[in-house]
Amino acid sequence: MMRNNRLHSIFAITLILVLGAIPLSLSAQDAPFDLEVGGYVKELAGVSFSNDFGEARFDNILQNRLESTWSFSEHIEGQADVRNRLISGYQVRHNPFYEQALNRDPGYLDMSWTPADGREHIWHVHIDRLSMTYFDGPWEVSFGRQRLNWSRTFVWSPNDLFNNFAYLDFDYEERPGTDAVSVRYSWGYASGLELAYQPQDSFEQSVIAGMLRESVGSYDVQFVGGYYRDQLALGGGFSGYLGDSGLKGEVTYFHPLDNGDQDGSVSATLGMDHMLPSSIYLRGEFLYNGGWSRSNRPLAQLTRPPQANDLFIARTAMFAEASYPAHPLVNVSLAGMTSIDRPITVIMPSVNVSLTENIDGMLLAQLFKGRLLRSSTDTPNYLFARVRWSF
């Protein structure tokens, strides 16, 4: 009941702000009201099968995403994005907790619900952006559901204290948002200070942190620190070039505040990328996951947004990818994940095709190997086909 009341409150507050800002914008001759709407429709079909092809499970997601930007005046802008997904197949029919998992909104406000559900289909709606932003020169103040991007690396980010993402959740390109208030002050393209607060039901699970970004020579560096879910978090990151290769890294130390004699932990990533003369693009990343804790559902954990102090299902992880534009309209890639300390391997080949200016297609496989992942499911091999029309 409390979460539903919060949902009603956020809509009421947003409506008040919209109605209050419209007269101001209409009176400003140099900044009339402007609305931009876009989005896409996607069809994603998937099949998972056992290693001997003796069992196959089919799932399907028909998705529509609407994205809107509202410019009320020279200084006020709003954003509202919503995902509509019609889900059917094996998971809906055989997983009694599937709807509950879909409706698990990690934000302070519950903006995820299922208007209709049945034995064969679930209609899921999720508002993942709903924010207002005030701009004034170097200042930017935002509140509501927004994306706070504090990462430098590509796959795992111990610096991203607010809304980390799961790399294997490939069909969510926009990545999760977070309910927060943020204040930014910039004195250069890559230089500035940002403070943010993410509330939760209990203060112990909230996040209050700051980030300082600055350019040092040919590198962009950042320092982060604050209160992260009953822990002190201090860290930093960098991105730049080492010769002709890109070099990126992040490290964060997490120290428990109310857990007796429990030791702190360090999570760190280091990544490189390089373009060969043949147009083959190479990318790799290594993770030391010092806050790792054992999970009873490792496969599910891989596809959900992780916490900044526990980014993977093992203490170490390695990622590598090679991609190649086989044709101006076709890109092929092969990526993989593995671990030094646990029997985990994920192999991910894919093909992306631009069919028309607004339509693209994709074939992608996720093959889960290793004793740990095989024990989590009877069908560890996944094949997906997707068509997307953008508007």
Protein backbone atom coordinates (compact mmCIF):
# COMPACT_ATOMS: atom_id res chain seq x y z
CA MET A 1 0.00 0.00 0.00
CA MET A 2 2.83 2.36 0.87
CA ARG A 3 4.50 1.84 -2.50
CA ASN A 4 1.23 2.50 -4.37
CA ASN A 5 0.80 5.73 -2.41
CA ARG A 6 4.30 6.74 -3.46
CA LEU A 7 3.43 6.08 -7.09
CA HIS A 8 0.38 8.31 -6.83
CA SER A 9 2.50 10.99 -5.15
CA ILE A 10 5.13 11.08 -7.87
CA PHE A 11 2.52 11.48 -10.59
CA ALA A 12 0.81 14.25 -8.62
CA ILE A 13 4.09 16.08 -8.05
CA THR A 14 5.08 15.75 -11.70
CA LEU A 15 1.68 16.98 -12.87
CA ILE A 16 1.90 20.01 -10.58
CA LEU A 17 5.36 20.85 -11.89
CA VAL A 18 4.24 20.45 -15.50
CA LEU A 19 1.19 22.65 -15.05
CA GLY A 20 3.22 25.22 -13.15
CA ALA A 21 5.99 25.33 -15.73
CA ILE A 22 3.78 25.67 -18.82
CA PRO A 23 2.67 29.28 -18.14
CA LEU A 24 6.26 30.27 -17.53
CA SER A 25 7.39 28.67 -20.76
CA LEU A 26 4.58 30.21 -22.79
CA SER A 27 5.47 33.66 -21.50
CA ALA A 28 9.10 33.25 -22.53
CA GLN A 29 9.28 34.29 -26.20
CA ASP A 30 12.78 32.87 -26.69
CA ALA A 31 12.00 29.41 -25.29
CA PRO A 32 8.57 28.06 -26.31
CA PHE A 33 7.25 24.76 -25.07
CA ASP A 34 8.66 21.82 -27.01
CA LEU A 35 7.91 18.09 -26.89
CA GLU A 36 9.98 15.37 -28.52
CA VAL A 37 8.66 11.80 -28.66
CA GLY A 38 10.43 8.71 -29.96
CA GLY A 39 10.95 5.06 -29.21
CA TYR A 40 10.76 1.67 -30.83
CA VAL A 41 8.87 -1.59 -31.19
CA LYS A 42 10.83 -4.81 -30.75
CA GLU A 43 10.05 -8.47 -31.26
CA LEU A 44 12.41 -10.80 -29.34
CA ALA A 45 12.04 -14.55 -29.76
CA GLY A 46 14.17 -16.88 -27.69
CA VAL A 47 14.76 -20.58 -27.28
CA SER A 48 16.83 -22.33 -24.63
CA PHE A 49 17.91 -25.93 -25.04
CA SER A 50 19.91 -28.63 -23.32
CA ASN A 51 23.38 -29.68 -24.43
CA ASP A 52 21.98 -32.82 -26.09
CA PHE A 53 19.09 -30.86 -27.68
CA GLY A 54 16.69 -33.20 -25.88
CA GLU A 55 14.78 -30.32 -24.25
CA ALA A 56 13.83 -26.92 -25.65
CA ARG A 57 11.97 -24.01 -24.06
CA PHE A 58 10.47 -21.12 -26.02
CA ASP A 59 9.88 -17.55 -24.83
CA ASN A 60 8.75 -14.39 -26.60
CA ILE A 61 8.72 -10.67 -25.74
CA LEU A 62 6.89 -8.04 -27.79
CA GLN A 63 8.07 -4.67 -26.49
CA ASN A 64 7.18 -1.05 -27.09
CA ARG A 65 9.24 1.78 -25.60
CA LEU A 66 8.10 5.40 -25.56
CA GLU A 67 10.66 8.12 -24.84
CA SER A 68 9.71 11.75 -24.35
CA THR A 69 11.57 14.95 -23.56
CA TRP A 70 9.61 18.00 -22.40
CA SER A 71 11.23 21.44 -22.71
CA PHE A 72 9.13 23.84 -20.65
CA SER A 73 11.48 26.81 -20.76
CA GLU A 74 15.10 27.71 -21.33
CA HIS A 75 15.96 26.26 -17.92
CA ILE A 76 13.45 23.46 -17.27
CA GLU A 77 13.30 20.08 -18.97
CA GLY A 78 11.46 16.87 -18.17
CA GLN A 79 11.90 13.28 -19.25
CA ALA A 80 9.38 10.43 -19.18
CA ASP A 81 10.12 6.98 -20.65
CA VAL A 82 8.03 3.83 -20.32
CA ARG A 83 8.51 0.18 -21.33
CA ASN A 84 5.53 -1.97 -22.30
CA ARG A 85 6.27 -5.68 -22.67
CA LEU A 86 3.94 -8.52 -23.63
CA ILE A 87 5.71 -11.67 -22.41
CA SER A 88 4.74 -15.25 -23.21
CA GLY A 89 6.26 -18.70 -23.24
CA TYR A 90 7.89 -21.17 -20.89
CA GLN A 91 8.79 -18.74 -18.10
CA VAL A 92 5.23 -17.44 -17.85
CA ARG A 93 3.70 -20.93 -17.80
CA HIS A 94 6.16 -22.72 -15.50
CA ASN A 95 7.75 -20.14 -13.19
CA PRO A 96 5.26 -19.18 -10.44
CA PHE A 97 7.55 -16.37 -9.25
CA TYR A 98 8.11 -14.81 -12.67
CA GLU A 99 5.50 -12.06 -12.32
CA GLN A 100 6.79 -11.26 -8.84
CA ALA A 101 10.31 -10.91 -10.22
CA LEU A 102 9.12 -8.58 -12.99
CA ASN A 103 7.37 -6.32 -10.48
CA ARG A 104 10.39 -6.05 -8.19
CA ASP A 105 11.10 -2.35 -8.68
CA PRO A 106 14.38 -1.53 -6.89
CA GLY A 107 13.60 2.20 -6.75
CA TYR A 108 12.13 4.18 -3.88
CA LEU A 109 8.92 4.51 -5.92
CA ASP A 110 7.12 1.49 -7.30
CA MET A 111 6.69 2.25 -10.99
CA SER A 112 6.46 -1.32 -12.25
CA TRP A 113 3.20 -3.26 -12.55
CA THR A 114 1.35 -5.88 -14.60
CA PRO A 115 -2.00 -4.58 -15.93
CA ALA A 116 -2.86 -8.08 -17.14
CA ASP A 117 -1.52 -11.55 -16.46
CA GLY A 118 -2.63 -15.05 -17.26
CA ARG A 119 -1.38 -18.56 -17.76
CA GLU A 120 0.05 -17.77 -21.21
CA HIS A 121 0.85 -14.03 -21.18
CA ILE A 122 1.97 -11.22 -18.90
CA TRP A 123 1.67 -7.53 -19.79
CA HIS A 124 4.37 -5.68 -17.88
CA VAL A 125 4.70 -1.88 -17.68
CA HIS A 126 7.76 -0.15 -16.26
CA ILE A 127 8.48 3.58 -16.04
CA ASP A 128 12.27 3.75 -15.94
CA ARG A 129 12.67 7.50 -16.53
CA LEU A 130 10.53 10.19 -14.90
CA SER A 131 12.49 13.30 -13.95
CA MET A 132 12.66 17.07 -14.01
CA THR A 133 15.92 18.97 -14.59
CA TYR A 134 16.80 22.60 -14.03
CA PHE A 135 19.69 24.08 -16.05
CA ASP A 136 21.45 27.35 -15.36
CA GLY A 137 24.91 27.84 -16.83
CA PRO A 138 27.29 25.36 -15.17
CA TRP A 139 24.57 24.17 -12.76
CA GLU A 140 22.23 21.21 -13.32
CA VAL A 141 19.74 19.96 -10.74
CA SER A 142 17.64 16.83 -11.37
CA PHE A 143 15.15 14.88 -9.33
CA GLY A 144 13.09 11.81 -10.09
CA ARG A 145 13.94 8.58 -11.87
CA GLN A 146 17.07 9.23 -13.88
CA ARG A 147 20.26 7.53 -15.01
CA LEU A 148 23.39 8.50 -13.09
CA ASN A 149 26.30 7.22 -15.16
CA TRP A 150 29.39 7.08 -12.94
CA SER A 151 31.21 4.32 -14.79
CA ARG A 152 34.40 4.41 -16.85
CA THR A 153 34.69 0.73 -17.68
CA PHE A 154 32.47 -1.30 -19.97
CA VAL A 155 31.23 -4.48 -18.26
CA TRP A 156 31.72 -4.06 -14.50
CA SER A 157 31.77 -0.75 -12.64
CA PRO A 158 32.67 -0.54 -8.92
CA ASN A 159 32.43 3.29 -9.20
CA ASP A 160 28.77 3.20 -10.26
CA LEU A 161 27.16 3.40 -6.83
CA PHE A 162 23.65 4.22 -8.08
CA ASN A 163 22.50 2.11 -11.01
CA ASN A 164 24.81 -0.66 -12.13
CA PHE A 165 23.64 -2.84 -15.01
CA ALA A 166 23.89 -6.48 -16.04
CA TYR A 167 25.90 -6.94 -19.24
CA LEU A 168 24.02 -10.13 -20.14
CA ASP A 169 20.71 -8.23 -20.15
CA PHE A 170 21.44 -7.27 -23.76
CA ASP A 171 17.84 -6.31 -24.60
CA TYR A 172 17.87 -3.36 -22.17
CA GLU A 173 20.19 -0.96 -24.00
CA GLU A 174 18.97 2.10 -22.08
CA ARG A 175 20.00 0.50 -18.75
CA PRO A 176 18.22 1.03 -15.42
CA GLY A 177 17.48 4.39 -13.84
CA THR A 178 17.39 5.30 -10.16
CA ASP A 179 15.15 7.46 -7.98
CA ALA A 180 17.45 10.23 -6.86
CA VAL A 181 18.18 13.91 -6.43
CA SER A 182 21.39 15.02 -8.14
CA VAL A 183 23.26 18.32 -8.36
CA ARG A 184 26.05 18.90 -10.90
CA TYR A 185 28.44 21.79 -11.35
CA SER A 186 30.68 21.70 -14.44
CA TRP A 187 33.65 23.92 -15.21
CA GLY A 188 34.77 22.02 -18.31
CA TYR A 189 33.73 19.35 -20.81
CA ALA A 190 35.12 16.54 -18.65
CA SER A 191 35.48 18.44 -15.37
CA GLY A 192 32.93 18.93 -12.65
CA LEU A 193 31.47 17.95 -9.32
CA GLU A 194 28.33 15.87 -8.81
CA LEU A 195 26.42 15.07 -5.62
CA ALA A 196 23.50 12.64 -5.48
CA TYR A 197 21.13 11.10 -2.96
CA GLN A 198 19.17 7.89 -3.56
CA PRO A 199 16.57 7.27 -0.82
CA GLN A 200 15.26 3.85 0.20
CA ASP A 201 12.72 2.52 2.69
CA SER A 202 15.44 2.39 5.37
CA PHE A 203 18.30 4.86 5.54
CA GLU A 204 20.77 1.98 5.83
CA GLN A 205 19.97 0.98 2.24
CA SER A 206 20.22 4.53 0.86
CA VAL A 207 23.12 5.98 -1.12
CA ILE A 208 24.62 9.46 -0.62
CA ALA A 209 27.74 10.08 -2.69
CA GLY A 210 29.79 12.59 -4.61
CA MET A 211 32.03 12.42 -7.66
CA LEU A 212 34.78 14.77 -8.82
CA ARG A 213 35.87 14.58 -12.45
CA GLU A 214 38.90 16.27 -13.97
CA SER A 215 41.25 16.01 -16.95
CA VAL A 216 44.86 15.21 -16.14
CA GLY A 217 47.07 15.25 -19.21
CA SER A 218 45.57 12.85 -21.75
CA TYR A 219 43.46 11.08 -19.12
CA ASP A 220 40.07 11.78 -17.61
CA VAL A 221 40.05 10.85 -13.95
CA GLN A 222 37.37 10.71 -11.28
CA PHE A 223 37.13 10.30 -7.53
CA VAL A 224 34.01 8.94 -5.82
CA GLY A 225 33.07 8.67 -2.18
CA GLY A 226 30.11 8.50 0.13
CA TYR A 227 27.67 6.34 2.02
CA TYR A 228 26.66 3.17 0.16
CA ARG A 229 24.04 0.94 1.80
CA ASP A 230 25.49 0.95 5.32
CA GLN A 231 29.04 1.06 3.98
CA LEU A 232 31.66 3.72 3.43
CA ALA A 233 32.71 3.79 -0.22
CA LEU A 234 35.89 5.47 -1.50
CA GLY A 235 37.35 5.02 -4.96
CA GLY A 236 38.32 6.41 -8.32
CA GLY A 237 38.60 5.70 -12.00
CA PHE A 238 40.32 6.81 -15.19
CA SER A 239 40.08 6.56 -18.97
CA GLY A 240 42.57 7.51 -21.65
CA TYR A 241 45.00 6.02 -24.12
CA LEU A 242 48.12 3.89 -23.86
CA GLY A 243 49.68 4.25 -27.27
CA ASP A 244 46.97 3.41 -29.80
CA SER A 245 44.90 1.46 -27.28
CA GLY A 246 42.23 2.71 -24.93
CA LEU A 247 42.87 2.10 -21.23
CA LYS A 248 40.24 2.30 -18.49
CA GLY A 249 40.05 1.35 -14.86
CA GLU A 250 38.10 1.71 -11.63
CA VAL A 251 38.64 0.76 -7.99
CA THR A 252 36.41 1.22 -4.91
CA TYR A 253 36.93 0.29 -1.28
CA PHE A 254 33.81 -0.62 0.72
CA HIS A 255 33.97 -0.56 4.52
CA PRO A 256 31.00 -1.84 6.60
CA LEU A 257 29.86 0.68 9.24
CA ASP A 258 27.63 -1.45 11.50
CA ASN A 259 28.82 -5.02 11.08
CA GLY A 260 31.11 -5.54 14.03
CA ASP A 261 34.57 -6.74 13.04
CA GLN A 262 33.68 -7.50 9.42
CA ASP A 263 36.51 -6.49 7.10
CA GLY A 264 36.14 -4.13 4.19
CA SER A 265 36.48 -5.20 0.57
CA VAL A 266 38.00 -3.85 -2.63
CA SER A 267 36.54 -4.22 -6.12
CA ALA A 268 38.59 -3.18 -9.14
CA THR A 269 38.39 -3.37 -12.93
CA LEU A 270 40.92 -2.78 -15.68
CA GLY A 271 40.03 -2.73 -19.36
CA MET A 272 41.62 -2.11 -22.76
CA ASP A 273 40.28 -1.73 -26.29
CA HIS A 274 42.06 -1.52 -29.64
CA MET A 275 41.13 -1.15 -33.31
CA LEU A 276 43.26 -3.21 -35.70
CA PRO A 277 44.05 -1.97 -39.25
CA SER A 278 41.72 -4.69 -40.53
CA SER A 279 38.81 -2.95 -38.70
CA ILE A 280 38.59 -5.72 -36.12
CA TYR A 281 37.75 -4.13 -32.78
CA LEU A 282 39.13 -5.85 -29.67
CA ARG A 283 38.02 -5.23 -26.12
CA GLY A 284 38.90 -6.89 -22.82
CA GLU A 285 38.32 -6.35 -19.12
CA PHE A 286 39.38 -7.94 -15.84
CA LEU A 287 37.46 -7.77 -12.56
CA TYR A 288 38.55 -8.43 -8.99
CA ASN A 289 35.30 -8.73 -7.05
CA GLY A 290 36.40 -8.40 -3.43
CA GLY A 291 32.85 -8.26 -2.03
CA TRP A 292 31.76 -11.51 -3.63
CA SER A 293 29.13 -13.53 -1.76
CA ARG A 294 27.88 -16.96 -2.79
CA SER A 295 24.50 -17.04 -4.54
CA ASN A 296 22.00 -19.90 -4.68
CA ARG A 297 20.84 -18.70 -8.13
CA PRO A 298 24.01 -17.74 -10.04
CA LEU A 299 22.37 -17.73 -13.48
CA ALA A 300 19.63 -15.34 -12.36
CA GLN A 301 22.19 -13.12 -10.64
CA LEU A 302 24.10 -12.72 -13.92
CA THR A 303 21.10 -11.14 -15.65
CA ARG A 304 20.05 -8.70 -12.90
CA PRO A 305 21.64 -5.36 -12.00
CA PRO A 306 24.35 -6.13 -9.41
CA GLN A 307 25.43 -4.13 -6.39
CA ALA A 308 28.58 -2.07 -6.77
CA ASN A 309 30.39 -4.11 -4.10
CA ASP A 310 29.40 -7.50 -5.58
CA LEU A 311 29.50 -7.33 -9.37
CA PHE A 312 29.84 -10.99 -10.36
CA ILE A 313 29.15 -14.55 -9.20
CA ALA A 314 32.84 -15.17 -8.46
CA ARG A 315 35.79 -13.33 -6.97
CA THR A 316 37.42 -12.87 -10.37
CA ALA A 317 36.09 -12.41 -13.88
CA MET A 318 37.51 -11.83 -17.34
CA PHE A 319 35.75 -10.53 -20.44
CA ALA A 320 36.95 -10.47 -24.05
CA GLU A 321 35.25 -9.44 -27.29
CA ALA A 322 36.15 -9.19 -30.95
CA SER A 323 33.83 -7.52 -33.47
CA TYR A 324 34.14 -6.95 -37.20
CA PRO A 325 32.06 -5.01 -39.77
CA ALA A 326 31.70 -7.80 -42.33
CA HIS A 327 29.60 -5.43 -44.49
CA PRO A 328 28.58 -1.77 -44.10
CA LEU A 329 25.22 -3.11 -42.88
CA VAL A 330 26.41 -6.22 -41.02
CA ASN A 331 28.49 -6.48 -37.84
CA VAL A 332 29.59 -9.78 -36.30
CA SER A 333 31.07 -10.29 -32.85
CA LEU A 334 32.23 -12.99 -30.47
CA ALA A 335 32.44 -12.30 -26.74
CA GLY A 336 33.09 -14.41 -23.69
CA MET A 337 33.27 -14.34 -19.89
CA THR A 338 35.12 -16.64 -17.55
CA SER A 339 36.57 -16.77 -14.04
CA ILE A 340 39.85 -17.88 -12.53
CA ASP A 341 38.46 -19.17 -9.24
CA ARG A 342 35.09 -20.73 -10.23
CA PRO A 343 33.98 -23.05 -13.10
CA ILE A 344 32.17 -20.41 -15.17
CA THR A 345 32.25 -19.75 -18.92
CA VAL A 346 29.79 -17.74 -21.02
CA ILE A 347 30.18 -17.62 -24.82
CA MET A 348 28.26 -14.96 -26.77
CA PRO A 349 28.37 -14.85 -30.61
CA SER A 350 26.13 -12.32 -32.36
CA VAL A 351 25.23 -10.84 -35.75
CA ASN A 352 23.64 -7.39 -36.15
CA VAL A 353 22.09 -6.34 -39.46
CA SER A 354 20.74 -2.95 -40.53
CA LEU A 355 17.71 -3.86 -42.67
CA THR A 356 16.48 -0.33 -43.42
CA GLU A 357 17.09 3.13 -42.00
CA ASN A 358 14.74 2.43 -39.09
CA ILE A 359 14.72 -1.37 -38.88
CA ASP A 360 17.53 -3.60 -37.65
CA GLY A 361 17.80 -7.28 -36.84
CA MET A 362 19.98 -9.35 -34.54
CA LEU A 363 20.87 -12.98 -33.86
CA LEU A 364 22.58 -13.65 -30.54
CA ALA A 365 23.49 -16.71 -28.52
CA GLN A 366 24.42 -17.07 -24.85
CA LEU A 367 26.03 -20.42 -24.06
CA PHE A 368 26.57 -21.10 -20.36
CA LYS A 369 29.30 -23.63 -19.68
CA GLY A 370 30.99 -24.86 -16.55
CA ARG A 371 29.71 -26.98 -13.68
CA LEU A 372 28.39 -24.01 -11.69
CA LEU A 373 26.08 -22.73 -14.45
CA ARG A 374 25.07 -26.18 -15.73
CA SER A 375 23.75 -27.01 -12.28
CA SER A 376 21.51 -23.90 -12.37
CA THR A 377 19.39 -24.90 -15.37
CA ASP A 378 18.54 -27.86 -17.58
CA THR A 379 18.74 -25.68 -20.71
CA PRO A 380 22.01 -23.68 -20.52
CA ASN A 381 22.11 -22.70 -24.21
CA TYR A 382 20.12 -19.66 -25.37
CA LEU A 383 19.47 -18.42 -28.90
CA PHE A 384 17.69 -15.11 -29.57
CA ALA A 385 16.35 -13.45 -32.70
CA ARG A 386 15.25 -9.81 -32.60
CA VAL A 387 13.76 -7.25 -34.99
CA ARG A 388 13.48 -3.59 -33.96
CA TRP A 389 11.68 -0.69 -35.61
CA SER A 390 12.69 2.70 -34.28
CA PHE A 391 10.60 5.84 -34.66
